[in-house]
Amino acid sequence: MLAKARYRAASIQAFRDVISAWIATLPPDGWEGTIRELKDALEAAHALQAHRGWIPRGTGLGVQMRGEVSFLEANGFALSFSRTAMARTIRVERASRDE
């Protein structure tokens, strides 16, 4: 059980490392796209890192991102999700300083 907890903690930290590398490259107006586009963007940021990170696939990525809302907020970013008849989108933008 302890090994599973350590693996989970290491996976979360590896994912946060990838997110950190990615948000450092975001333009001032943020980023918006689908889960697939987010995975592609994270993989591109991950390719720039020296170590291997963990990026979930499909629905798992959306679930993982929802779990990282507080991490993103602590780093000055806001995360929002929207859904239309055509697509589900994620928006990551710099949090306003007025809050």
C-alpha atoms as a PDB file:
ATOM      1  CA  MET A   1       0.000   0.000   0.000  1.00  0.00           C
ATOM      2  CA  LEU A   2       2.857   2.374   0.792  1.00  0.00           C
ATOM      3  CA  ALA A   3       4.437   1.696  -2.608  1.00  0.00           C
ATOM      4  CA  LYS A   4       1.171   2.603  -4.324  1.00  0.00           C
ATOM      5  CA  ALA A   5       0.977   5.879  -2.371  1.00  0.00           C
ATOM      6  CA  ARG A   6       4.566   6.720  -3.308  1.00  0.00           C
ATOM      7  CA  TYR A   7       3.877   5.970  -6.966  1.00  0.00           C
ATOM      8  CA  ARG A   8       0.787   8.194  -6.895  1.00  0.00           C
ATOM      9  CA  ALA A   9       2.714  11.036  -5.242  1.00  0.00           C
ATOM     10  CA  ALA A  10       5.520  10.702  -7.789  1.00  0.00           C
ATOM     11  CA  SER A  11       2.995  10.696 -10.659  1.00  0.00           C
ATOM     12  CA  ILE A  12       1.319  13.845  -9.356  1.00  0.00           C
ATOM     13  CA  GLN A  13       4.671  15.603  -8.978  1.00  0.00           C
ATOM     14  CA  ALA A  14       5.784  14.549 -12.465  1.00  0.00           C
ATOM     15  CA  PHE A  15       2.515  15.883 -13.921  1.00  0.00           C
ATOM     16  CA  ARG A  16       2.949  19.151 -12.012  1.00  0.00           C
ATOM     17  CA  ASP A  17       6.475  19.466 -13.401  1.00  0.00           C
ATOM     18  CA  VAL A  18       5.075  19.154 -16.928  1.00  0.00           C
ATOM     19  CA  ILE A  19       2.336  21.714 -16.171  1.00  0.00           C
ATOM     20  CA  SER A  20       4.928  24.105 -14.721  1.00  0.00           C
ATOM     21  CA  ALA A  21       7.086  23.836 -17.833  1.00  0.00           C
ATOM     22  CA  TRP A  22       4.025  24.391 -20.021  1.00  0.00           C
ATOM     23  CA  ILE A  23       2.555  27.401 -18.199  1.00  0.00           C
ATOM     24  CA  ALA A  24       5.942  29.093 -18.335  1.00  0.00           C
ATOM     25  CA  THR A  25       5.549  29.184 -22.133  1.00  0.00           C
ATOM     26  CA  LEU A  26       1.959  30.454 -22.272  1.00  0.00           C
ATOM     27  CA  PRO A  27       1.282  33.743 -24.060  1.00  0.00           C
ATOM     28  CA  PRO A  28      -0.127  36.640 -21.990  1.00  0.00           C
ATOM     29  CA  ASP A  29      -3.686  35.915 -23.140  1.00  0.00           C
ATOM     30  CA  GLY A  30      -3.500  32.291 -21.957  1.00  0.00           C
ATOM     31  CA  TRP A  31      -4.481  29.131 -23.792  1.00  0.00           C
ATOM     32  CA  GLU A  32      -7.762  27.541 -24.903  1.00  0.00           C
ATOM     33  CA  GLY A  33      -8.408  24.245 -26.629  1.00  0.00           C
ATOM     34  CA  THR A  34      -9.724  20.701 -26.434  1.00  0.00           C
ATOM     35  CA  ILE A  35      -8.336  17.869 -24.329  1.00  0.00           C
ATOM     36  CA  ARG A  36      -6.464  16.513 -27.371  1.00  0.00           C
ATOM     37  CA  GLU A  37      -4.914  19.931 -28.031  1.00  0.00           C
ATOM     38  CA  LEU A  38      -3.978  20.200 -24.361  1.00  0.00           C
ATOM     39  CA  LYS A  39      -2.307  16.788 -24.477  1.00  0.00           C
ATOM     40  CA  ASP A  40      -0.337  17.868 -27.557  1.00  0.00           C
ATOM     41  CA  ALA A  41       0.707  21.119 -25.850  1.00  0.00           C
ATOM     42  CA  LEU A  42       1.767  19.301 -22.673  1.00  0.00           C
ATOM     43  CA  GLU A  43       3.704  16.720 -24.680  1.00  0.00           C
ATOM     44  CA  ALA A  44       5.535  19.527 -26.490  1.00  0.00           C
ATOM     45  CA  ALA A  45       6.426  21.141 -23.150  1.00  0.00           C
ATOM     46  CA  HIS A  46       7.373  17.730 -21.785  1.00  0.00           C
ATOM     47  CA  ALA A  47       9.763  17.158 -24.695  1.00  0.00           C
ATOM     48  CA  LEU A  48      11.717  20.198 -23.479  1.00  0.00           C
ATOM     49  CA  GLN A  49      12.252  18.667 -20.053  1.00  0.00           C
ATOM     50  CA  ALA A  50      15.235  16.530 -19.154  1.00  0.00           C
ATOM     51  CA  HIS A  51      13.229  14.006 -17.128  1.00  0.00           C
ATOM     52  CA  ARG A  52      10.242  11.867 -17.998  1.00  0.00           C
ATOM     53  CA  GLY A  53       6.870  13.061 -16.798  1.00  0.00           C
ATOM     54  CA  TRP A  54       3.480  11.489 -16.812  1.00  0.00           C
ATOM     55  CA  ILE A  55       0.635  12.812 -18.950  1.00  0.00           C
ATOM     56  CA  PRO A  56      -2.692  10.954 -18.775  1.00  0.00           C
ATOM     57  CA  ARG A  57      -4.768  10.272 -21.884  1.00  0.00           C
ATOM     58  CA  GLY A  58      -8.324  11.193 -22.826  1.00  0.00           C
ATOM     59  CA  THR A  59     -10.782  11.699 -20.015  1.00  0.00           C
ATOM     60  CA  GLY A  60      -8.027  11.083 -17.485  1.00  0.00           C
ATOM     61  CA  LEU A  61      -6.328  14.306 -18.532  1.00  0.00           C
ATOM     62  CA  GLY A  62      -9.495  16.314 -17.877  1.00  0.00           C
ATOM     63  CA  VAL A  63      -9.895  14.660 -14.484  1.00  0.00           C
ATOM     64  CA  GLN A  64      -6.233  15.289 -13.644  1.00  0.00           C
ATOM     65  CA  MET A  65      -6.493  18.961 -14.681  1.00  0.00           C
ATOM     66  CA  ARG A  66      -9.567  19.417 -12.477  1.00  0.00           C
ATOM     67  CA  GLY A  67      -7.479  18.065  -9.612  1.00  0.00           C
ATOM     68  CA  GLU A  68      -4.759  20.626 -10.323  1.00  0.00           C
ATOM     69  CA  VAL A  69      -6.968  23.736 -10.073  1.00  0.00           C
ATOM     70  CA  SER A  70      -5.440  24.750  -6.723  1.00  0.00           C
ATOM     71  CA  PHE A  71      -1.904  24.128  -8.056  1.00  0.00           C
ATOM     72  CA  LEU A  72      -2.588  26.360 -11.055  1.00  0.00           C
ATOM     73  CA  GLU A  73      -4.189  29.036  -8.864  1.00  0.00           C
ATOM     74  CA  ALA A  74      -1.159  28.977  -6.562  1.00  0.00           C
ATOM     75  CA  ASN A  75       0.967  29.660  -9.649  1.00  0.00           C
ATOM     76  CA  GLY A  76      -1.213  32.588 -10.760  1.00  0.00           C
ATOM     77  CA  PHE A  77      -3.437  30.858 -13.331  1.00  0.00           C
ATOM     78  CA  ALA A  78      -7.172  30.268 -13.580  1.00  0.00           C
ATOM     79  CA  LEU A  79      -8.637  27.133 -15.138  1.00  0.00           C
ATOM     80  CA  SER A  80     -12.111  26.935 -16.645  1.00  0.00           C
ATOM     81  CA  PHE A  81     -14.029  24.287 -18.551  1.00  0.00           C
ATOM     82  CA  SER A  82     -16.799  24.817 -21.087  1.00  0.00           C
ATOM     83  CA  ARG A  83     -18.907  22.602 -23.262  1.00  0.00           C
ATOM     84  CA  THR A  84     -20.779  23.202 -26.484  1.00  0.00           C
ATOM     85  CA  ALA A  85     -22.598  20.826 -28.800  1.00  0.00           C
ATOM     86  CA  MET A  86     -19.390  20.522 -30.808  1.00  0.00           C
ATOM     87  CA  ALA A  87     -16.616  20.315 -28.210  1.00  0.00           C
ATOM     88  CA  ARG A  88     -15.474  20.513 -24.639  1.00  0.00           C
ATOM     89  CA  THR A  89     -12.826  23.128 -24.099  1.00  0.00           C
ATOM     90  CA  ILE A  90     -10.388  24.055 -21.386  1.00  0.00           C
ATOM     91  CA  ARG A  91      -9.137  27.581 -20.823  1.00  0.00           C
ATOM     92  CA  VAL A  92      -6.013  28.443 -18.861  1.00  0.00           C
ATOM     93  CA  GLU A  93      -5.354  32.114 -18.285  1.00  0.00           C
ATOM     94  CA  ARG A  94      -3.372  34.295 -15.973  1.00  0.00           C
ATOM     95  CA  ALA A  95      -5.428  35.148 -12.921  1.00  0.00           C
ATOM     96  CA  SER A  96      -6.252  38.808 -12.543  1.00  0.00           C
ATOM     97  CA  ARG A  97      -4.429  40.678  -9.807  1.00  0.00           C
ATOM     98  CA  ASP A  98      -7.681  42.347  -8.677  1.00  0.00           C
ATOM     99  CA  GLU A  99      -8.963  39.270  -6.806  1.00  0.00           C
END
